[in-house]
Amino acid sequence: MKSILYSLFIAIFFLASCGTTKEKANSSLHSHENLNATLWMQTSVEYKMLCEQIYKLATTQMLENLNDKSISAALEQSENFINLPPAVIVDVDETILDNSPFEARSIKNGAGYTDTAWKSWVNEKKAKPISGAKDFVETAKENGITVFYVSNRELKDPTLENLQKEIDPNILAENILLKNEKPEWTSDKTSRRKLISEKYRIILLVGDDYNDFVFLGKENPVQRKQLAEEQMKNWGKNWIILPNPTYGSFENALLDYRHDRNEAEQFFKKLEYLNTSE
């Protein structure tokens, strides 16, 4: 059955990509796979209202945690933080800024993700705010809470300009901590959270990926769920997570953190995780 599905799958996309290269055909598979996720983010009232709802919760928890000086949201911060000024740490992409137009372009162009295309998009500085994000940042500022933007982007100037234009014109460059700005600032955000925790009490973490809260390494999907359940006390109180169906570490876990497979092979690897039992 798998071989039949594989043959049909390849035939369909061969016809859709007739006259293109093998790489173009593979990209078409990725584009089709991401179509519904991107449309949901761009067109559904459910996604918009879900983000608004989440940021209302985030605001409530931020103010509650502000008044309880025994609380720190960062696992890297374990002591001597009671008298530190408050701060929140937010991710940028799909947490504060909406990059779904980049995904839409990739789909329409039949292209998968490339660093070149991504950097071109970031340099355009056209990403709009996620619903609710701007009000959340404004409330933080009104209450004397510093907002730090910890992201695995690598382009500082256009990121700063985009955030200043869409979120807060007074954002400082020093409050944006991007990947590879320093040798120890890898895709693991632990060192950046630790640095902030030396001078601030971190009262809330907001992101769209598990690794925005704690670095997981290469756990499989089952292990990720187990860890999340063990940390249940943090979710919705110290950690606020937004939905992102278009990309993330969840997908890397499904693929065993291997990216040497072609798109069809990735597709069938993902099929193995579908649960058809009741």
C-alpha atoms as a PDB file:
ATOM      1  CA  MET A   1       0.000   0.000   0.000  1.00  0.00           C
ATOM      2  CA  LYS A   2       2.791   2.426   0.855  1.00  0.00           C
ATOM      3  CA  SER A   3       4.470   1.879  -2.516  1.00  0.00           C
ATOM      4  CA  ILE A   4       1.160   2.541  -4.303  1.00  0.00           C
ATOM      5  CA  LEU A   5       0.607   5.753  -2.342  1.00  0.00           C
ATOM      6  CA  TYR A   6       4.163   6.817  -3.020  1.00  0.00           C
ATOM      7  CA  SER A   7       3.766   6.265  -6.764  1.00  0.00           C
ATOM      8  CA  LEU A   8       0.472   8.168  -6.893  1.00  0.00           C
ATOM      9  CA  PHE A   9       1.889  10.978  -4.825  1.00  0.00           C
ATOM     10  CA  ILE A  10       4.921  11.417  -7.055  1.00  0.00           C
ATOM     11  CA  ALA A  11       2.814  11.148 -10.221  1.00  0.00           C
ATOM     12  CA  ILE A  12       0.453  13.904  -9.099  1.00  0.00           C
ATOM     13  CA  PHE A  13       3.252  16.296  -8.346  1.00  0.00           C
ATOM     14  CA  PHE A  14       5.164  15.315 -11.447  1.00  0.00           C
ATOM     15  CA  LEU A  15       2.198  16.430 -13.510  1.00  0.00           C
ATOM     16  CA  ALA A  16       1.805  19.601 -11.440  1.00  0.00           C
ATOM     17  CA  SER A  17       5.480  20.361 -11.921  1.00  0.00           C
ATOM     18  CA  CYS A  18       5.808  19.233 -15.541  1.00  0.00           C
ATOM     19  CA  GLY A  19       8.794  20.860 -17.179  1.00  0.00           C
ATOM     20  CA  THR A  20      10.461  21.729 -13.885  1.00  0.00           C
ATOM     21  CA  THR A  21      13.551  20.348 -12.208  1.00  0.00           C
ATOM     22  CA  LYS A  22      13.501  17.623  -9.547  1.00  0.00           C
ATOM     23  CA  GLU A  23      14.203  20.309  -6.941  1.00  0.00           C
ATOM     24  CA  LYS A  24      11.217  22.297  -8.157  1.00  0.00           C
ATOM     25  CA  ALA A  25       8.985  19.231  -7.878  1.00  0.00           C
ATOM     26  CA  ASN A  26      10.184  18.589  -4.334  1.00  0.00           C
ATOM     27  CA  SER A  27       9.479  22.209  -3.471  1.00  0.00           C
ATOM     28  CA  SER A  28       5.933  21.788  -4.787  1.00  0.00           C
ATOM     29  CA  LEU A  29       5.366  19.037  -2.236  1.00  0.00           C
ATOM     30  CA  HIS A  30       6.404  21.368   0.564  1.00  0.00           C
ATOM     31  CA  SER A  31       4.265  24.193  -0.774  1.00  0.00           C
ATOM     32  CA  HIS A  32       1.148  22.036  -0.966  1.00  0.00           C
ATOM     33  CA  GLU A  33       1.768  20.664   2.526  1.00  0.00           C
ATOM     34  CA  ASN A  34       1.890  24.180   4.019  1.00  0.00           C
ATOM     35  CA  LEU A  35      -1.116  25.564   2.122  1.00  0.00           C
ATOM     36  CA  ASN A  36      -3.887  24.952   4.666  1.00  0.00           C
ATOM     37  CA  ALA A  37      -1.720  26.051   7.600  1.00  0.00           C
ATOM     38  CA  THR A  38      -0.873  29.361   5.943  1.00  0.00           C
ATOM     39  CA  LEU A  39      -4.453  29.977   4.830  1.00  0.00           C
ATOM     40  CA  TRP A  40      -5.661  29.308   8.371  1.00  0.00           C
ATOM     41  CA  MET A  41      -3.283  31.926   9.734  1.00  0.00           C
ATOM     42  CA  GLN A  42      -4.172  34.472   7.071  1.00  0.00           C
ATOM     43  CA  THR A  43      -7.928  34.043   6.664  1.00  0.00           C
ATOM     44  CA  SER A  44      -9.531  32.361   9.654  1.00  0.00           C
ATOM     45  CA  VAL A  45     -11.268  34.313  12.372  1.00  0.00           C
ATOM     46  CA  GLU A  46     -10.351  31.402  14.654  1.00  0.00           C
ATOM     47  CA  TYR A  47      -6.626  32.139  14.412  1.00  0.00           C
ATOM     48  CA  LYS A  48      -7.057  35.889  14.880  1.00  0.00           C
ATOM     49  CA  MET A  49      -9.329  35.528  17.898  1.00  0.00           C
ATOM     50  CA  LEU A  50      -7.160  32.785  19.373  1.00  0.00           C
ATOM     51  CA  CYS A  51      -4.170  35.147  19.320  1.00  0.00           C
ATOM     52  CA  GLU A  52      -6.262  37.958  20.835  1.00  0.00           C
ATOM     53  CA  GLN A  53      -7.445  35.559  23.532  1.00  0.00           C
ATOM     54  CA  ILE A  54      -3.917  34.365  24.266  1.00  0.00           C
ATOM     55  CA  TYR A  55      -2.585  37.885  24.609  1.00  0.00           C
ATOM     56  CA  LYS A  56      -5.406  38.787  26.988  1.00  0.00           C
ATOM     57  CA  LEU A  57      -4.331  35.824  29.117  1.00  0.00           C
ATOM     58  CA  ALA A  58      -0.691  36.884  28.785  1.00  0.00           C
ATOM     59  CA  THR A  59      -1.545  40.400  29.986  1.00  0.00           C
ATOM     60  CA  THR A  60      -3.491  39.085  32.979  1.00  0.00           C
ATOM     61  CA  GLN A  61      -0.677  36.733  33.972  1.00  0.00           C
ATOM     62  CA  MET A  62       1.998  39.375  33.424  1.00  0.00           C
ATOM     63  CA  LEU A  63       0.309  41.764  35.861  1.00  0.00           C
ATOM     64  CA  GLU A  64      -0.404  38.983  38.353  1.00  0.00           C
ATOM     65  CA  ASN A  65       3.215  37.812  38.277  1.00  0.00           C
ATOM     66  CA  LEU A  66       4.417  41.416  38.562  1.00  0.00           C
ATOM     67  CA  ASN A  67       2.818  41.655  41.974  1.00  0.00           C
ATOM     68  CA  ASP A  68       4.170  38.314  43.211  1.00  0.00           C
ATOM     69  CA  LYS A  69       7.893  38.804  43.674  1.00  0.00           C
ATOM     70  CA  SER A  70       8.433  35.141  44.483  1.00  0.00           C
ATOM     71  CA  ILE A  71       7.800  34.278  40.825  1.00  0.00           C
ATOM     72  CA  SER A  72      10.315  33.934  38.012  1.00  0.00           C
ATOM     73  CA  ALA A  73       9.247  32.425  34.701  1.00  0.00           C
ATOM     74  CA  ALA A  74      12.763  31.452  33.610  1.00  0.00           C
ATOM     75  CA  LEU A  75      14.213  28.124  34.691  1.00  0.00           C
ATOM     76  CA  GLU A  76      17.634  29.779  34.441  1.00  0.00           C
ATOM     77  CA  GLN A  77      16.689  32.138  37.301  1.00  0.00           C
ATOM     78  CA  SER A  78      16.625  30.325  40.624  1.00  0.00           C
ATOM     79  CA  GLU A  79      17.538  32.810  43.373  1.00  0.00           C
ATOM     80  CA  ASN A  80      18.247  36.427  44.375  1.00  0.00           C
ATOM     81  CA  PHE A  81      15.735  37.915  41.951  1.00  0.00           C
ATOM     82  CA  ILE A  82      13.119  39.362  44.319  1.00  0.00           C
ATOM     83  CA  ASN A  83      14.410  42.938  44.136  1.00  0.00           C
ATOM     84  CA  LEU A  84      15.309  42.956  40.446  1.00  0.00           C
ATOM     85  CA  PRO A  85      13.240  45.082  38.033  1.00  0.00           C
ATOM     86  CA  PRO A  86      10.621  43.102  36.071  1.00  0.00           C
ATOM     87  CA  ALA A  87      10.957  41.990  32.462  1.00  0.00           C
ATOM     88  CA  VAL A  88       9.172  39.759  29.986  1.00  0.00           C
ATOM     89  CA  ILE A  89      10.890  37.813  27.218  1.00  0.00           C
ATOM     90  CA  VAL A  90       9.085  37.363  23.922  1.00  0.00           C
ATOM     91  CA  ASP A  91      10.010  35.553  20.739  1.00  0.00           C
ATOM     92  CA  VAL A  92       9.609  37.556  17.508  1.00  0.00           C
ATOM     93  CA  ASP A  93       8.505  35.412  14.572  1.00  0.00           C
ATOM     94  CA  GLU A  94       4.908  34.183  14.808  1.00  0.00           C
ATOM     95  CA  THR A  95       4.833  35.570  18.361  1.00  0.00           C
ATOM     96  CA  ILE A  96       5.141  39.329  17.819  1.00  0.00           C
ATOM     97  CA  LEU A  97       5.476  39.565  14.033  1.00  0.00           C
ATOM     98  CA  ASP A  98       3.448  37.705  11.405  1.00  0.00           C
ATOM     99  CA  ASN A  99       5.554  36.201   8.604  1.00  0.00           C
ATOM    100  CA  SER A 100       2.730  34.371   6.859  1.00  0.00           C
ATOM    101  CA  PRO A 101       3.228  36.481   3.691  1.00  0.00           C
ATOM    102  CA  PHE A 102       6.663  34.876   3.377  1.00  0.00           C
ATOM    103  CA  GLU A 103       5.046  31.432   3.613  1.00  0.00           C
ATOM    104  CA  ALA A 104       2.409  32.496   1.070  1.00  0.00           C
ATOM    105  CA  ARG A 105       5.069  33.602  -1.398  1.00  0.00           C
ATOM    106  CA  SER A 106       6.889  30.286  -1.021  1.00  0.00           C
ATOM    107  CA  ILE A 107       3.678  28.398  -1.748  1.00  0.00           C
ATOM    108  CA  LYS A 108       2.745  30.459  -4.798  1.00  0.00           C
ATOM    109  CA  ASN A 109       6.291  30.251  -6.155  1.00  0.00           C
ATOM    110  CA  GLY A 110       6.454  26.498  -5.578  1.00  0.00           C
ATOM    111  CA  ALA A 111       9.548  27.030  -3.470  1.00  0.00           C
ATOM    112  CA  GLY A 112      10.632  25.594  -0.152  1.00  0.00           C
ATOM    113  CA  TYR A 113      12.410  27.505   2.573  1.00  0.00           C
ATOM    114  CA  THR A 114      15.834  28.999   1.775  1.00  0.00           C
ATOM    115  CA  ASP A 115      18.003  31.307   3.858  1.00  0.00           C
ATOM    116  CA  THR A 116      18.295  33.675   0.902  1.00  0.00           C
ATOM    117  CA  ALA A 117      14.538  34.045   0.516  1.00  0.00           C
ATOM    118  CA  TRP A 118      14.047  34.439   4.274  1.00  0.00           C
ATOM    119  CA  LYS A 119      16.698  37.151   4.596  1.00  0.00           C
ATOM    120  CA  SER A 120      15.186  38.972   1.645  1.00  0.00           C
ATOM    121  CA  TRP A 121      11.814  38.977   3.421  1.00  0.00           C
ATOM    122  CA  VAL A 122      13.321  40.204   6.714  1.00  0.00           C
ATOM    123  CA  ASN A 123      15.114  43.025   4.889  1.00  0.00           C
ATOM    124  CA  GLU A 124      11.792  44.212   3.484  1.00  0.00           C
ATOM    125  CA  LYS A 125      10.674  45.023   7.062  1.00  0.00           C
ATOM    126  CA  LYS A 126       7.025  44.407   6.148  1.00  0.00           C
ATOM    127  CA  ALA A 127       5.928  41.924   8.816  1.00  0.00           C
ATOM    128  CA  LYS A 128       2.772  43.049  10.638  1.00  0.00           C
ATOM    129  CA  PRO A 129       1.944  42.461  14.319  1.00  0.00           C
ATOM    130  CA  ILE A 130       0.317  39.281  15.542  1.00  0.00           C
ATOM    131  CA  SER A 131      -3.166  40.146  16.845  1.00  0.00           C
ATOM    132  CA  GLY A 132      -2.932  41.327  20.440  1.00  0.00           C
ATOM    133  CA  ALA A 133       0.849  41.645  20.519  1.00  0.00           C
ATOM    134  CA  LYS A 134       1.077  45.430  20.301  1.00  0.00           C
ATOM    135  CA  ASP A 135      -1.435  45.997  23.114  1.00  0.00           C
ATOM    136  CA  PHE A 136       0.459  43.498  25.264  1.00  0.00           C
ATOM    137  CA  VAL A 137       3.752  45.361  24.775  1.00  0.00           C
ATOM    138  CA  GLU A 138       2.090  48.710  25.496  1.00  0.00           C
ATOM    139  CA  THR A 139       0.626  47.369  28.746  1.00  0.00           C
ATOM    140  CA  ALA A 140       4.030  46.055  29.784  1.00  0.00           C
ATOM    141  CA  LYS A 141       5.609  49.473  29.250  1.00  0.00           C
ATOM    142  CA  GLU A 142       2.800  51.249  31.120  1.00  0.00           C
ATOM    143  CA  ASN A 143       3.538  49.048  34.125  1.00  0.00           C
ATOM    144  CA  GLY A 144       7.309  49.546  34.129  1.00  0.00           C
ATOM    145  CA  ILE A 145       8.061  46.126  32.639  1.00  0.00           C
ATOM    146  CA  THR A 146      10.964  45.864  30.182  1.00  0.00           C
ATOM    147  CA  VAL A 147      10.318  43.772  27.081  1.00  0.00           C
ATOM    148  CA  PHE A 148      13.186  41.730  25.640  1.00  0.00           C
ATOM    149  CA  TYR A 149      12.928  40.254  22.151  1.00  0.00           C
ATOM    150  CA  VAL A 150      14.887  36.992  22.018  1.00  0.00           C
ATOM    151  CA  SER A 151      14.829  35.553  18.505  1.00  0.00           C
ATOM    152  CA  ASN A 152      16.763  33.173  16.292  1.00  0.00           C
ATOM    153  CA  ARG A 153      16.724  35.717  13.505  1.00  0.00           C
ATOM    154  CA  GLU A 154      20.151  37.060  12.545  1.00  0.00           C
ATOM    155  CA  LEU A 155      19.465  40.436  10.898  1.00  0.00           C
ATOM    156  CA  LYS A 156      19.504  43.083  13.640  1.00  0.00           C
ATOM    157  CA  ASP A 157      18.915  46.377  11.813  1.00  0.00           C
ATOM    158  CA  PRO A 158      15.865  45.395   9.740  1.00  0.00           C
ATOM    159  CA  THR A 159      14.402  43.531  12.707  1.00  0.00           C
ATOM    160  CA  LEU A 160      14.776  46.601  14.918  1.00  0.00           C
ATOM    161  CA  GLU A 161      13.245  48.847  12.260  1.00  0.00           C
ATOM    162  CA  ASN A 162      10.318  46.480  11.690  1.00  0.00           C
ATOM    163  CA  LEU A 163       9.599  46.240  15.424  1.00  0.00           C
ATOM    164  CA  GLN A 164       9.905  50.009  15.889  1.00  0.00           C
ATOM    165  CA  LYS A 165       7.505  50.609  13.010  1.00  0.00           C
ATOM    166  CA  GLU A 166       4.864  48.058  13.991  1.00  0.00           C
ATOM    167  CA  ILE A 167       5.166  47.497  17.755  1.00  0.00           C
ATOM    168  CA  ASP A 168       6.954  50.270  19.637  1.00  0.00           C
ATOM    169  CA  PRO A 169       8.939  53.201  18.166  1.00  0.00           C
ATOM    170  CA  ASN A 170      11.068  53.354  21.307  1.00  0.00           C
ATOM    171  CA  ILE A 171      12.417  49.804  21.262  1.00  0.00           C
ATOM    172  CA  LEU A 172      16.167  49.788  21.955  1.00  0.00           C
ATOM    173  CA  ALA A 173      18.623  47.699  19.970  1.00  0.00           C
ATOM    174  CA  GLU A 174      20.041  46.354  23.239  1.00  0.00           C
ATOM    175  CA  ASN A 175      16.671  44.784  24.049  1.00  0.00           C
ATOM    176  CA  ILE A 176      16.789  42.631  20.926  1.00  0.00           C
ATOM    177  CA  LEU A 177      18.974  39.542  21.344  1.00  0.00           C
ATOM    178  CA  LEU A 178      19.417  37.645  18.096  1.00  0.00           C
ATOM    179  CA  LYS A 179      21.082  34.367  17.194  1.00  0.00           C
ATOM    180  CA  ASN A 180      24.853  34.531  16.622  1.00  0.00           C
ATOM    181  CA  GLU A 181      25.244  38.121  17.855  1.00  0.00           C
ATOM    182  CA  LYS A 182      27.687  36.526  20.266  1.00  0.00           C
ATOM    183  CA  PRO A 183      29.458  33.156  19.846  1.00  0.00           C
ATOM    184  CA  GLU A 184      27.462  31.586  22.689  1.00  0.00           C
ATOM    185  CA  TRP A 185      24.127  32.783  21.308  1.00  0.00           C
ATOM    186  CA  THR A 186      23.226  29.684  19.330  1.00  0.00           C
ATOM    187  CA  SER A 187      19.731  28.480  18.445  1.00  0.00           C
ATOM    188  CA  ASP A 188      19.563  27.414  22.106  1.00  0.00           C
ATOM    189  CA  LYS A 189      18.193  30.540  23.840  1.00  0.00           C
ATOM    190  CA  THR A 190      19.303  29.463  27.324  1.00  0.00           C
ATOM    191  CA  SER A 191      22.387  31.726  27.458  1.00  0.00           C
ATOM    192  CA  ARG A 192      20.343  34.762  26.430  1.00  0.00           C
ATOM    193  CA  ARG A 193      17.661  34.128  29.046  1.00  0.00           C
ATOM    194  CA  LYS A 194      20.402  33.644  31.627  1.00  0.00           C
ATOM    195  CA  LEU A 195      22.025  36.948  30.670  1.00  0.00           C
ATOM    196  CA  ILE A 196      18.741  38.835  31.072  1.00  0.00           C
ATOM    197  CA  SER A 197      18.058  37.087  34.386  1.00  0.00           C
ATOM    198  CA  GLU A 198      21.233  38.571  35.884  1.00  0.00           C
ATOM    199  CA  LYS A 199      19.677  42.054  35.914  1.00  0.00           C
ATOM    200  CA  TYR A 200      15.925  41.463  35.659  1.00  0.00           C
ATOM    201  CA  ARG A 201      13.256  39.288  37.237  1.00  0.00           C
ATOM    202  CA  ILE A 202      11.692  37.501  34.301  1.00  0.00           C
ATOM    203  CA  ILE A 203       7.979  37.420  35.042  1.00  0.00           C
ATOM    204  CA  LEU A 204       6.721  35.904  31.778  1.00  0.00           C
ATOM    205  CA  LEU A 205       7.919  34.066  28.675  1.00  0.00           C
ATOM    206  CA  VAL A 206       5.912  34.262  25.443  1.00  0.00           C
ATOM    207  CA  GLY A 207       6.652  32.239  22.301  1.00  0.00           C
ATOM    208  CA  ASP A 208       5.306  29.922  19.612  1.00  0.00           C
ATOM    209  CA  ASP A 209       7.786  27.043  20.031  1.00  0.00           C
ATOM    210  CA  TYR A 210       8.666  24.848  23.003  1.00  0.00           C
ATOM    211  CA  ASN A 211      12.298  25.975  22.699  1.00  0.00           C
ATOM    212  CA  ASP A 212      11.228  29.541  23.501  1.00  0.00           C
ATOM    213  CA  PHE A 213      10.772  28.366  27.093  1.00  0.00           C
ATOM    214  CA  VAL A 214      13.405  25.674  27.620  1.00  0.00           C
ATOM    215  CA  PHE A 215      15.860  24.041  25.239  1.00  0.00           C
ATOM    216  CA  LEU A 216      14.766  20.505  24.411  1.00  0.00           C
ATOM    217  CA  GLY A 217      17.594  19.148  22.288  1.00  0.00           C
ATOM    218  CA  LYS A 218      16.476  16.282  20.053  1.00  0.00           C
ATOM    219  CA  GLU A 219      13.630  14.675  21.959  1.00  0.00           C
ATOM    220  CA  ASN A 220      11.092  12.739  19.920  1.00  0.00           C
ATOM    221  CA  PRO A 221       7.390  13.743  19.845  1.00  0.00           C
ATOM    222  CA  VAL A 222       6.459  11.394  22.698  1.00  0.00           C
ATOM    223  CA  GLN A 223       9.256  12.711  24.910  1.00  0.00           C
ATOM    224  CA  ARG A 224       8.274  16.301  24.109  1.00  0.00           C
ATOM    225  CA  LYS A 225       4.724  15.670  25.324  1.00  0.00           C
ATOM    226  CA  GLN A 226       5.991  13.986  28.483  1.00  0.00           C
ATOM    227  CA  LEU A 227       8.243  16.948  29.298  1.00  0.00           C
ATOM    228  CA  ALA A 228       5.422  19.398  28.634  1.00  0.00           C
ATOM    229  CA  GLU A 229       3.177  17.542  31.058  1.00  0.00           C
ATOM    230  CA  GLU A 230       5.914  17.549  33.709  1.00  0.00           C
ATOM    231  CA  GLN A 231       6.095  21.343  33.361  1.00  0.00           C
ATOM    232  CA  MET A 232       2.311  21.812  33.420  1.00  0.00           C
ATOM    233  CA  LYS A 233       2.462  24.323  36.295  1.00  0.00           C
ATOM    234  CA  ASN A 234       4.205  26.831  34.008  1.00  0.00           C
ATOM    235  CA  TRP A 235       1.829  26.734  31.030  1.00  0.00           C
ATOM    236  CA  GLY A 236      -0.729  29.523  31.105  1.00  0.00           C
ATOM    237  CA  LYS A 237       0.893  31.087  34.160  1.00  0.00           C
ATOM    238  CA  ASN A 238       4.590  31.718  33.532  1.00  0.00           C
ATOM    239  CA  TRP A 239       4.749  30.462  29.946  1.00  0.00           C
ATOM    240  CA  ILE A 240       2.322  31.596  27.241  1.00  0.00           C
ATOM    241  CA  ILE A 241       2.433  29.826  23.882  1.00  0.00           C
ATOM    242  CA  LEU A 242       0.884  30.857  20.564  1.00  0.00           C
ATOM    243  CA  PRO A 243      -0.137  28.545  17.698  1.00  0.00           C
ATOM    244  CA  ASN A 244       2.134  28.129  14.683  1.00  0.00           C
ATOM    245  CA  PRO A 245       1.151  25.331  12.282  1.00  0.00           C
ATOM    246  CA  THR A 246       3.553  26.363   9.495  1.00  0.00           C
ATOM    247  CA  TYR A 247       6.963  25.430  10.945  1.00  0.00           C
ATOM    248  CA  GLY A 248       8.782  24.733  14.199  1.00  0.00           C
ATOM    249  CA  SER A 249      10.664  22.212  16.269  1.00  0.00           C
ATOM    250  CA  PHE A 250       7.593  19.950  16.274  1.00  0.00           C
ATOM    251  CA  GLU A 251       8.290  19.253  12.594  1.00  0.00           C
ATOM    252  CA  ASN A 252      11.997  18.621  13.234  1.00  0.00           C
ATOM    253  CA  ALA A 253      11.011  16.060  15.859  1.00  0.00           C
ATOM    254  CA  LEU A 254       8.713  14.272  13.392  1.00  0.00           C
ATOM    255  CA  LEU A 255      11.631  14.019  10.960  1.00  0.00           C
ATOM    256  CA  ASP A 256      14.099  12.746  13.595  1.00  0.00           C
ATOM    257  CA  TYR A 257      15.994  16.038  13.169  1.00  0.00           C
ATOM    258  CA  ARG A 258      17.192  14.842   9.771  1.00  0.00           C
ATOM    259  CA  HIS A 259      16.916  17.075   6.723  1.00  0.00           C
ATOM    260  CA  ASP A 260      18.746  14.914   4.198  1.00  0.00           C
ATOM    261  CA  ARG A 261      15.504  13.305   2.990  1.00  0.00           C
ATOM    262  CA  ASN A 262      13.699  14.642  -0.049  1.00  0.00           C
ATOM    263  CA  GLU A 263      10.186  16.054   0.296  1.00  0.00           C
ATOM    264  CA  ALA A 264       8.424  12.802  -0.583  1.00  0.00           C
ATOM    265  CA  GLU A 265      10.458  10.886   2.005  1.00  0.00           C
ATOM    266  CA  GLN A 266       9.654  13.543   4.592  1.00  0.00           C
ATOM    267  CA  PHE A 267       5.972  13.240   3.725  1.00  0.00           C
ATOM    268  CA  PHE A 268       5.913   9.493   4.364  1.00  0.00           C
ATOM    269  CA  LYS A 269       7.958   9.863   7.549  1.00  0.00           C
ATOM    270  CA  LYS A 270       5.282  12.209   8.869  1.00  0.00           C
ATOM    271  CA  LEU A 271       2.525   9.772   7.883  1.00  0.00           C
ATOM    272  CA  GLU A 272       3.984   7.303  10.397  1.00  0.00           C
ATOM    273  CA  TYR A 273       2.851   9.585  13.231  1.00  0.00           C
ATOM    274  CA  LEU A 274      -0.794   9.823  12.172  1.00  0.00           C
ATOM    275  CA  ASN A 275      -3.017   8.258  14.841  1.00  0.00           C
ATOM    276  CA  THR A 276      -5.981   6.441  13.294  1.00  0.00           C
ATOM    277  CA  SER A 277      -7.101   4.610  16.446  1.00  0.00           C
ATOM    278  CA  GLU A 278      -9.927   5.764  18.699  1.00  0.00           C
END
